[in-house]
Protein backbone atom coordinates (compact mmCIF):
# COMPACT_ATOMS: atom_id res chain seq x y z
CA UNK A 1 57.16 130.92 36.18
CA UNK A 2 57.54 126.87 35.70
CA UNK A 3 57.68 124.09 38.40
CA UNK A 4 61.15 123.05 37.23
CA UNK A 5 62.48 126.74 37.28
CA UNK A 6 60.85 127.55 40.99
CA UNK A 7 62.37 124.51 42.10
CA UNK A 8 65.99 125.31 40.75
CA UNK A 9 65.78 128.54 42.36
CA UNK A 10 65.00 127.12 45.53
CA UNK A 11 67.54 124.19 45.37
CA UNK A 12 70.28 126.97 44.34
CA UNK A 13 69.24 129.14 47.51
CA UNK A 14 68.91 126.64 49.89
CA UNK A 15 72.32 125.37 48.38
CA UNK A 16 73.94 129.03 49.16
CA UNK A 17 72.62 128.91 52.49
CA UNK A 18 73.95 125.71 53.33
CA UNK A 19 77.35 126.59 51.64
CA UNK A 20 76.99 129.70 54.24
CA UNK A 21 76.42 127.93 56.84
CA UNK A 22 79.21 125.31 56.19
CA UNK A 23 82.23 129.01 56.24
CA UNK A 24 80.70 130.34 59.57
CA UNK A 25 81.61 127.26 60.85
CA UNK A 26 85.05 127.24 60.66
CA UNK A 27 86.38 124.03 60.04
CA UNK A 28 89.63 123.44 58.39
CA UNK A 29 89.64 125.13 54.73
CA UNK A 30 90.08 121.69 53.38
CA UNK A 31 86.90 120.39 54.62
CA UNK A 32 85.22 123.94 54.46
CA UNK A 33 85.74 123.53 50.00
CA UNK A 34 85.10 119.76 49.74
CA UNK A 35 81.83 120.20 51.71
CA UNK A 36 80.91 123.37 49.70
CA UNK A 37 81.83 121.44 46.51
CA UNK A 38 79.51 118.82 46.87
CA UNK A 39 76.65 121.41 47.83
CA UNK A 40 76.76 123.18 44.85
CA UNK A 41 77.18 120.62 42.18
CA UNK A 42 75.07 118.03 44.10
CA UNK A 43 72.97 120.40 45.35
CA UNK A 44 69.72 118.63 46.48
CA UNK A 45 71.89 115.37 47.23
CA UNK A 46 74.77 117.60 48.75
CA UNK A 47 72.67 119.27 50.88
CA UNK A 48 70.88 116.33 52.57
CA UNK A 49 74.30 114.77 52.66
CA UNK A 50 75.13 117.71 54.69
CA UNK A 51 72.13 117.62 57.05
CA UNK A 52 72.81 114.28 57.61
CA UNK A 53 76.67 113.45 58.03
CA UNK A 54 78.19 117.45 57.60
CA UNK A 55 76.17 119.68 60.82
CA UNK A 56 79.11 120.28 63.06
CA UNK A 57 77.62 119.42 66.79
CA UNK A 58 81.01 119.37 68.41
CA UNK A 59 80.33 122.25 70.17
CA UNK A 60 76.97 120.55 71.83
CA UNK A 61 77.75 118.87 74.90
CA UNK A 62 75.42 115.85 75.12
CA UNK A 63 77.16 116.02 78.50
CA UNK A 64 79.56 118.22 80.30
CA UNK A 65 82.27 115.75 79.43
CA UNK A 66 84.89 117.99 81.41
CA UNK A 67 82.98 118.11 84.66
CA UNK A 68 82.11 114.50 84.88
CA UNK A 69 85.95 113.61 84.45
CA UNK A 70 86.49 115.89 87.48
CA UNK A 71 83.81 113.99 89.28
CA UNK A 72 85.35 110.31 88.71
CA UNK A 73 88.77 111.81 88.72
CA UNK A 74 87.93 112.79 92.56
CA UNK A 75 86.27 109.16 93.43
CA UNK A 76 89.01 107.35 91.75
CA UNK A 77 91.70 109.29 93.58
CA UNK A 78 89.84 108.62 96.72
CA UNK A 79 90.61 104.94 96.39
CA UNK A 80 93.50 104.48 94.24
CA UNK A 81 97.17 105.03 96.14
CA UNK A 82 100.65 104.56 94.31
CA UNK A 83 103.59 104.51 96.13
CA UNK A 84 106.76 105.50 94.61
CA UNK A 85 105.48 106.68 91.04
CA UNK A 86 108.36 107.74 89.29
CA UNK A 87 107.30 109.34 86.18
CA UNK A 88 110.32 109.16 82.45
CA UNK A 89 111.85 112.91 82.31
CA UNK A 90 111.77 111.81 78.86
CA UNK A 91 108.72 111.40 78.38
CA UNK A 92 107.26 113.71 80.73
CA UNK A 93 105.49 116.97 78.50
CA UNK A 94 103.13 114.24 77.00
CA UNK A 95 102.48 112.53 80.12
CA UNK A 96 101.46 116.18 81.22
CA UNK A 97 99.31 117.01 77.83
CA UNK A 98 97.19 114.34 78.59
CA UNK A 99 97.09 114.94 82.65
CA UNK A 100 96.29 118.69 81.43
CA UNK A 101 93.95 118.17 78.48
CA UNK A 102 91.89 114.89 79.26
CA UNK A 103 92.82 114.51 82.86
CA UNK A 104 94.06 111.02 82.01
CA UNK A 105 96.24 110.00 85.08
CA UNK A 106 99.71 108.26 84.78
CA UNK A 107 99.50 104.41 86.46
CA UNK A 108 102.42 102.26 87.40
CA UNK A 109 102.80 98.82 88.03
CA UNK A 110 101.30 97.16 84.70
CA UNK A 111 101.45 93.74 82.92
CA UNK A 112 100.32 93.80 79.33
CA UNK A 113 99.55 90.60 77.38
CA UNK A 114 99.51 91.45 73.33
CA UNK A 115 96.88 89.69 71.35
CA UNK A 116 97.34 89.58 67.53
CA UNK A 117 94.85 87.27 66.39
CA UNK A 118 90.62 86.96 67.48
CA UNK A 119 91.76 83.09 68.84
CA UNK A 120 93.78 84.47 71.38
CA UNK A 121 91.68 87.80 72.49
CA UNK A 122 88.25 85.59 72.22
CA UNK A 123 89.97 82.55 74.78
CA UNK A 124 91.56 84.88 77.10
CA UNK A 125 88.49 86.75 77.30
CA UNK A 126 86.18 84.03 77.97
CA UNK A 127 88.18 82.91 80.62
CA UNK A 128 88.21 85.85 82.61
CA UNK A 129 84.58 86.46 81.93
CA UNK A 130 83.96 82.66 83.60
CA UNK A 131 85.90 83.82 86.75
CA UNK A 132 84.63 87.08 87.10
CA UNK A 133 83.26 87.68 90.70
CA UNK A 134 81.78 91.19 90.89
CA UNK A 135 81.36 93.11 87.61
CA UNK A 136 82.01 93.16 84.09
CA UNK A 137 81.99 96.16 82.17
CA UNK A 138 82.02 96.08 78.47
CA UNK A 139 82.26 99.36 75.64
CA UNK A 140 82.15 97.94 72.48
CA UNK A 141 81.55 99.59 68.82
CA UNK A 142 80.57 96.27 67.80
CA UNK A 143 78.66 93.36 69.26
CA UNK A 144 77.17 91.04 66.48
CA UNK A 145 74.79 88.69 66.75
CA UNK A 146 76.48 85.99 65.10
CA UNK A 147 78.09 83.01 66.35
CA UNK A 148 81.20 84.82 68.02
CA UNK A 149 78.29 87.48 69.65
CA UNK A 150 75.96 84.77 71.06
CA UNK A 151 79.03 82.88 72.30
CA UNK A 152 80.28 85.93 74.49
CA UNK A 153 76.21 86.76 75.13
CA UNK A 154 75.68 83.50 76.45
CA UNK A 155 78.73 83.74 78.93
CA UNK A 156 77.49 86.94 80.07
CA UNK A 157 74.28 86.01 81.01
CA UNK A 158 75.92 83.15 82.69
CA UNK A 159 77.69 85.49 84.87
CA UNK A 160 74.55 87.28 85.62
CA UNK A 161 72.55 84.54 86.99
CA UNK A 162 75.58 84.28 89.54
CA UNK A 163 74.70 87.81 90.74
CA UNK A 164 77.64 89.47 88.95
CA UNK A 165 76.81 92.76 87.98
CA UNK A 166 77.16 93.45 84.21
CA UNK A 167 76.79 96.34 82.08
CA UNK A 168 77.19 96.40 78.06
CA UNK A 169 77.71 100.06 75.99
CA UNK A 170 76.91 99.13 72.31
CA UNK A 171 77.11 101.90 69.82
CA UNK A 172 73.71 101.98 67.62
CA UNK A 173 75.15 102.79 64.42
CA UNK A 174 77.94 99.88 64.72
CA UNK A 175 75.34 97.82 65.25
CA UNK A 176 72.11 99.08 63.01
CA UNK A 177 71.86 95.46 61.77
CA UNK A 178 71.60 93.81 64.74
CA UNK A 179 68.34 92.79 65.88
CA UNK A 180 66.78 94.35 69.13
CA UNK A 181 65.97 90.41 70.19
CA UNK A 182 69.62 90.32 70.16
CA UNK A 183 70.14 92.84 73.39
CA UNK A 184 66.46 92.07 74.93
CA UNK A 185 67.74 88.60 75.91
CA UNK A 186 70.31 90.10 77.41
CA UNK A 187 68.28 92.49 79.35
CA UNK A 188 65.80 89.65 80.53
CA UNK A 189 68.66 88.03 82.24
CA UNK A 190 69.45 90.89 84.11
CA UNK A 191 72.12 92.79 82.15
CA UNK A 192 72.30 96.29 81.73
CA UNK A 193 72.75 97.04 77.92
CA UNK A 194 72.20 100.49 76.52
CA UNK A 195 72.59 101.94 72.88
CA UNK A 196 75.30 104.87 72.39
CA UNK A 197 73.76 108.05 71.34
CA UNK A 198 70.50 106.30 69.42
CA UNK A 199 69.91 107.15 65.85
CA UNK A 200 66.51 107.83 66.26
CA UNK A 201 64.31 110.88 64.11
CA UNK A 202 64.01 113.97 64.41
CA UNK A 203 67.43 113.92 66.43
CA UNK A 204 69.20 111.65 63.40
CA UNK A 205 70.68 114.23 61.93
CA UNK A 206 72.93 115.48 65.22
CA UNK A 207 74.04 111.76 66.24
CA UNK A 208 74.52 109.95 63.67
CA UNK A 209 78.37 111.50 62.35
CA UNK A 210 79.54 110.98 65.92
CA UNK A 211 80.09 107.07 66.95
CA UNK A 212 81.56 105.58 70.23
CA UNK A 213 84.26 103.46 68.69
CA UNK A 214 85.76 102.27 71.46
CA UNK A 215 86.93 99.00 72.53
CA UNK A 216 87.03 99.06 76.48
CA UNK A 217 86.53 95.89 78.66
CA UNK A 218 86.77 95.58 82.34
CA UNK A 219 86.57 92.38 84.61
CA UNK A 220 86.69 93.09 88.47
CA UNK A 221 88.49 96.37 88.43
CA UNK A 222 91.49 94.02 88.13
CA UNK A 223 92.11 92.49 84.26
CA UNK A 224 90.82 95.30 81.18
CA UNK A 225 91.31 95.08 77.43
CA UNK A 226 91.69 97.82 74.73
CA UNK A 227 92.49 97.92 71.37
CA UNK A 228 91.05 97.25 67.74
CA UNK A 229 88.82 94.21 67.99
CA UNK A 230 84.84 94.47 67.94
CA UNK A 231 82.47 91.19 68.76
CA UNK A 232 82.09 89.83 65.34
CA UNK A 233 83.35 86.63 63.98
CA UNK A 234 84.94 87.96 61.12
CA UNK A 235 87.45 89.25 63.85
CA UNK A 236 88.24 85.79 64.58
CA UNK A 237 87.64 83.91 61.01
CA UNK A 238 88.21 86.92 58.62
CA UNK A 239 85.33 87.51 55.73
CA UNK A 240 85.42 84.92 52.63
CA UNK A 241 89.33 84.09 52.13
CA UNK A 242 90.84 87.24 53.66
CA UNK A 243 91.57 86.87 57.24
CA UNK A 244 91.93 89.71 59.71
CA UNK A 245 94.66 90.90 61.62
CA UNK A 246 93.92 92.53 64.75
CA UNK A 247 95.61 93.71 68.09
CA UNK A 248 93.59 93.73 71.68
CA UNK A 249 95.95 93.79 74.53
CA UNK A 250 95.11 92.38 77.78
CA UNK A 251 96.13 94.46 81.34
CA UNK A 252 96.60 93.87 85.03
CA UNK A 253 98.15 96.72 87.27
CA UNK A 254 97.05 99.96 87.48
CA UNK A 255 96.37 100.80 83.95
CA UNK A 256 92.81 99.26 84.79
CA UNK A 257 91.83 102.17 87.08
CA UNK A 258 91.69 103.98 84.31
CA UNK A 259 90.11 101.57 81.91
CA UNK A 260 87.35 101.78 84.31
CA UNK A 261 87.16 105.54 84.62
CA UNK A 262 86.89 105.32 81.07
CA UNK A 263 83.94 103.19 81.09
CA UNK A 264 82.13 104.71 83.73
CA UNK A 265 82.50 108.26 82.28
CA UNK A 266 80.76 106.44 78.95
CA UNK A 267 78.36 104.41 81.49
CA UNK A 268 77.18 107.95 82.96
CA UNK A 269 76.83 109.74 79.39
CA UNK A 270 74.47 106.62 78.29
CA UNK A 271 72.62 106.32 80.72
CA UNK A 272 72.88 109.06 83.84
CA UNK A 273 73.98 106.87 86.88
CA UNK A 274 76.88 107.60 88.01
CA UNK A 275 79.21 104.99 89.89
CA UNK A 276 81.69 105.22 92.10
CA UNK A 277 81.48 102.33 94.66
CA UNK A 278 84.60 101.94 95.88
CA UNK A 279 84.98 98.26 94.29
CA UNK A 280 84.98 99.74 91.32
CA UNK A 281 88.83 99.97 92.15
CA UNK A 282 89.79 97.40 94.13
CA UNK A 283 92.92 97.46 94.99
CA UNK A 284 96.64 95.65 93.25
CA UNK A 285 98.32 93.61 95.62
CA UNK A 286 101.87 92.27 94.44
CA UNK A 287 100.16 88.74 93.88
CA UNK A 288 97.59 90.24 91.62
CA UNK A 289 100.44 92.16 89.75
CA UNK A 290 104.42 92.61 90.77
CA UNK A 291 105.25 95.79 91.44
CA UNK A 292 107.08 97.84 88.53
CA UNK A 293 107.93 101.09 86.65
CA UNK A 294 105.66 99.99 83.60
CA UNK A 295 103.80 103.55 83.21
CA UNK A 296 100.18 103.34 81.55
CA UNK A 297 97.47 105.97 80.30
CA UNK A 298 94.50 105.60 78.93
CA UNK A 299 93.49 108.67 76.97
CA UNK A 300 90.48 109.45 75.29
CA UNK A 301 89.25 111.83 72.82
CA UNK A 302 85.34 112.78 70.96
CA UNK A 303 83.73 115.65 69.34
CA UNK A 304 82.50 116.93 72.70
CA UNK A 305 86.06 118.28 73.82
CA UNK A 306 87.11 121.28 72.88
CA UNK A 307 91.09 119.18 71.70
CA UNK A 308 91.75 116.12 69.84
CA UNK A 309 93.45 114.52 72.34
CA UNK A 310 94.75 111.46 70.80
CA UNK A 311 95.83 113.59 67.59
CA UNK A 312 98.06 115.53 69.87
CA UNK A 313 99.48 112.76 71.91
CA UNK A 314 100.31 111.46 68.16
CA UNK A 315 102.14 114.43 66.46
CA UNK A 316 103.87 114.99 69.47
CA UNK A 317 105.28 111.44 69.34
CA UNK A 318 105.47 111.60 65.68
CA UNK A 319 107.89 115.68 65.90
CA UNK A 320 109.72 113.79 69.10
CA UNK A 321 110.85 110.50 67.18
CA UNK A 322 114.92 110.23 67.66
CA UNK A 323 115.81 106.66 65.78
CA UNK A 324 112.71 105.03 64.14
CA UNK A 325 108.70 105.36 64.32
CA UNK A 326 106.55 102.47 63.36
CA UNK A 327 102.31 102.65 63.06
CA UNK A 328 100.35 100.56 61.31
CA UNK A 329 96.59 101.60 60.75
CA UNK A 330 93.93 100.10 58.42
CA UNK A 331 92.89 103.81 57.22
CA UNK A 332 95.45 106.04 56.37
CA UNK A 333 93.71 109.78 55.51
CA UNK A 334 96.22 112.29 57.87
CA UNK A 335 95.06 115.59 58.55
CA UNK A 336 97.56 118.17 57.65
CA UNK A 337 98.91 118.26 61.27
CA UNK A 338 99.62 114.70 61.29
CA UNK A 339 101.04 114.30 57.77
CA UNK A 340 103.17 117.08 57.82
CA UNK A 341 104.61 115.89 61.27
CA UNK A 342 105.44 112.48 59.49
CA UNK A 343 106.88 113.87 55.97
CA UNK A 344 109.60 116.48 58.82
CA UNK A 345 110.46 113.15 60.72
CA UNK A 346 111.29 111.39 57.97
CA UNK A 347 113.06 114.07 55.94
CA UNK A 348 115.38 114.65 59.20
CA UNK A 349 116.41 110.85 58.75
CA UNK A 350 113.95 109.37 61.66
CA UNK A 351 113.23 105.59 60.08
CA UNK A 352 109.76 106.24 60.09
CA UNK A 353 107.75 103.40 58.93
CA UNK A 354 103.62 102.38 57.74
CA UNK A 355 102.19 99.76 57.33
CA UNK A 356 98.35 99.23 55.79
CA UNK A 357 96.36 97.08 54.51
CA UNK A 358 97.23 96.33 50.52
CA UNK A 359 93.24 95.70 50.31
CA UNK A 360 90.81 97.70 52.16
CA UNK A 361 87.27 96.59 53.57
CA UNK A 362 86.69 100.21 52.06
CA UNK A 363 86.96 100.66 48.47
CA UNK A 364 86.05 104.35 48.98
CA UNK A 365 89.04 105.41 51.56
CA UNK A 366 91.30 103.24 49.79
CA UNK A 367 91.11 105.14 46.45
CA UNK A 368 91.41 108.11 48.94
CA UNK A 369 94.62 106.79 50.72
CA UNK A 370 96.59 106.20 47.78
CA UNK A 371 97.97 109.75 47.29
CA UNK A 372 98.43 109.99 50.59
CA UNK A 373 100.38 107.51 50.79
CA UNK A 374 102.60 107.62 47.09
CA UNK A 375 103.03 111.64 49.30
CA UNK A 376 104.53 110.21 52.66
CA UNK A 377 107.03 107.59 50.43
CA UNK A 378 108.32 110.52 48.33
CA UNK A 379 109.32 112.22 52.16
CA UNK A 380 111.19 108.74 53.22
CA UNK A 381 108.56 107.12 54.67
CA UNK A 382 108.60 103.56 54.11
CA UNK A 383 105.19 102.39 53.11
CA UNK A 384 104.29 98.35 53.41
CA UNK A 385 101.05 97.05 52.34
CA UNK A 386 99.70 94.00 54.35
CA UNK A 387 99.10 91.09 52.03
CA UNK A 388 98.15 88.02 54.56
CA UNK A 389 94.91 89.48 54.91
CA UNK A 390 92.94 93.09 55.94
CA UNK A 391 95.32 94.63 58.80
CA UNK A 392 92.66 96.11 61.44
CA UNK A 393 95.48 96.98 63.95
CA UNK A 394 96.17 100.27 65.11
CA UNK A 395 99.55 100.72 66.89
CA UNK A 396 102.70 102.74 67.15
CA UNK A 397 106.14 102.28 68.47
CA UNK A 398 108.96 104.61 68.80
CA UNK A 399 112.30 104.68 69.79
CA UNK A 400 112.15 101.88 71.99
CA UNK A 401 110.77 103.81 74.59
CA UNK A 402 106.78 104.52 73.96
CA UNK A 403 103.97 103.21 72.21
CA UNK A 404 100.53 103.39 71.60
CA UNK A 405 97.75 100.75 70.87
CA UNK A 406 93.94 101.09 70.61
CA UNK A 407 90.94 101.87 68.79
CA UNK A 408 92.45 105.04 66.76
CA UNK A 409 92.73 104.85 62.91
CA UNK A 410 94.81 107.75 61.06
CA UNK A 411 92.22 109.45 59.60
CA UNK A 412 89.92 112.27 59.87
CA UNK A 413 86.76 110.44 61.50
CA UNK A 414 89.10 108.98 64.60
CA UNK A 415 90.57 112.60 65.05
CA UNK A 416 87.43 114.32 64.87
CA UNK A 417 84.06 112.76 64.87
CA UNK A 418 84.50 109.24 66.88
CA UNK A 419 84.94 108.62 70.60
CA UNK A 420 87.82 106.70 71.02
CA UNK A 421 90.36 105.33 73.68
CA UNK A 422 94.07 104.34 73.62
CA UNK A 423 96.45 103.30 75.89
CA UNK A 424 100.24 104.95 76.15
CA UNK A 425 102.83 102.78 77.64
CA UNK A 426 106.18 104.62 78.39
CA UNK A 427 107.96 101.32 78.98
CA UNK A 428 110.72 99.32 76.83
CA UNK A 429 109.87 96.04 77.15
CA UNK A 430 106.00 96.83 76.02
CA UNK A 431 107.42 99.26 73.37
CA UNK A 432 110.53 96.23 72.67
CA UNK A 433 107.09 93.56 71.96
CA UNK A 434 105.13 95.92 70.02
CA UNK A 435 107.95 96.79 67.57
CA UNK A 436 108.44 92.67 67.40
CA UNK A 437 104.48 92.74 66.35
CA UNK A 438 105.39 95.47 63.66
CA UNK A 439 108.75 93.79 61.86
CA UNK A 440 106.36 90.26 61.91
CA UNK A 441 103.71 92.06 60.17
CA UNK A 442 106.38 93.51 58.12
CA UNK A 443 107.51 89.88 57.14
CA UNK A 444 103.80 89.73 55.20
CA UNK A 445 103.66 92.79 53.41
CA UNK A 446 105.09 93.77 50.02
CA UNK A 447 106.94 97.58 49.77
CA UNK A 448 104.95 100.27 47.91
CA UNK A 449 108.05 101.35 46.17
CA UNK A 450 107.88 97.84 44.03
CA UNK A 451 104.02 98.54 43.03
CA UNK A 452 104.93 100.53 39.98
CA UNK A 453 101.04 100.26 39.12
CA UNK A 454 100.75 102.40 42.58
CA UNK A 455 103.70 104.23 42.35
CA UNK A 456 102.94 105.52 38.45
CA UNK A 457 99.36 105.45 38.05
CA UNK A 458 97.66 106.53 34.67
CA UNK A 459 95.81 109.62 34.20
CA UNK A 460 92.27 108.23 34.87
CA UNK A 461 93.61 106.78 38.45
CA UNK A 462 95.07 109.77 39.49
CA UNK A 463 92.67 112.04 38.88
CA UNK A 464 89.91 109.03 40.72
CA UNK A 465 92.47 108.93 43.56
CA UNK A 466 92.74 112.95 43.68
CA UNK A 467 88.53 113.36 43.49
CA UNK A 468 88.33 110.55 46.63
CA UNK A 469 91.27 112.38 48.80
CA UNK A 470 89.63 116.02 48.12
CA UNK A 471 86.29 114.24 49.24
CA UNK A 472 87.99 112.12 52.18
CA UNK A 473 87.45 115.21 55.07
CA UNK A 474 83.78 114.34 54.94
CA UNK A 475 83.90 110.64 55.46
């Protein structure tokens, strides 16, 4: 028997075993079928790719997150008191869902600045950092070693030299191209810097697919940021001749307690240090934030939890829409529950609008999303493509009553593999401002229906779109 025959037989046996492993994992049928096709038709490369990116370690608990959530919830409750908290009856089922599934507590007395470009975000952040007196906590997917990253690092070092506690979590994969010296310089100045799930052999395959995509910043427990912007120059200057449009929220008030808890849970996750001092949950006075009933919930999700909590919230909001639902996302690869919900409410007569970038920063994802976009257009969704640059914003607003913004894209990776964080507002004022942001962005869009080459693509184009869509659950 020749070596070629032995190689073919062995590779086929390994491929069959890998396919059996995929089937026994009881994933969604579409994802199971996609992995099986890749493994069978590209047996060697497909198996390697599956080992690195497809093995499902969702059920493996790197830390018992639910126990940690309960522990930090108790410490937070010991420090935080809310008087006259009134939850809106209309949204109580959604609020209860997040409490039951995520232990996400609602907080009142909040003010929010909506920052829609990098210059606004960086200016506000540097001002807040310069005024920090107690601590600065940063949970960031990308912390680049470029002009912006160095500027922020210098500001953090200055505060550390003045006795402020500074802690930074960065995602190891998100910062693969960042030199160790960049983070080491901060460590040498007294800043605690920790990588999230470092990807090293031999544990590479169990970690590379599960990344911390959150963007959460807390300063002195009084000011917090959450949204879609990372620490990278492209969020300010764009790439090439294409500016970037993104959304970041600056929050003051009770909601900062929830952002703080999000960071402290992640800090224990990466450093095994439980921070539960009262100073991390300072009392917010009338001078800080006037009393109001702007209710905020910060909700996290990730592969170590039994349910995709943020996705559940999205589905609940979508199916509960009565007049309108507006959302924008850089990547439109909805899973079956979200896709079905969008089509259902659109067919029921709700004004459903979606904004995506006309040109994505990920060509494969752009091709994979095209058939999804046409499908929802045929169901009555108004799809607009942003032309004034690359749209990286992730927000949703519904019925002038509820809105959300954060790190979660409308795609498989955000729903299933990434650690994400979104803030949900139950407040008409914030919803109207989010609505205005959406409508302003819509002025820089072209309707998908007005692009015949996209709506009536040729055979080979549609074939390629279908192939990329079939493989999209893997990415």
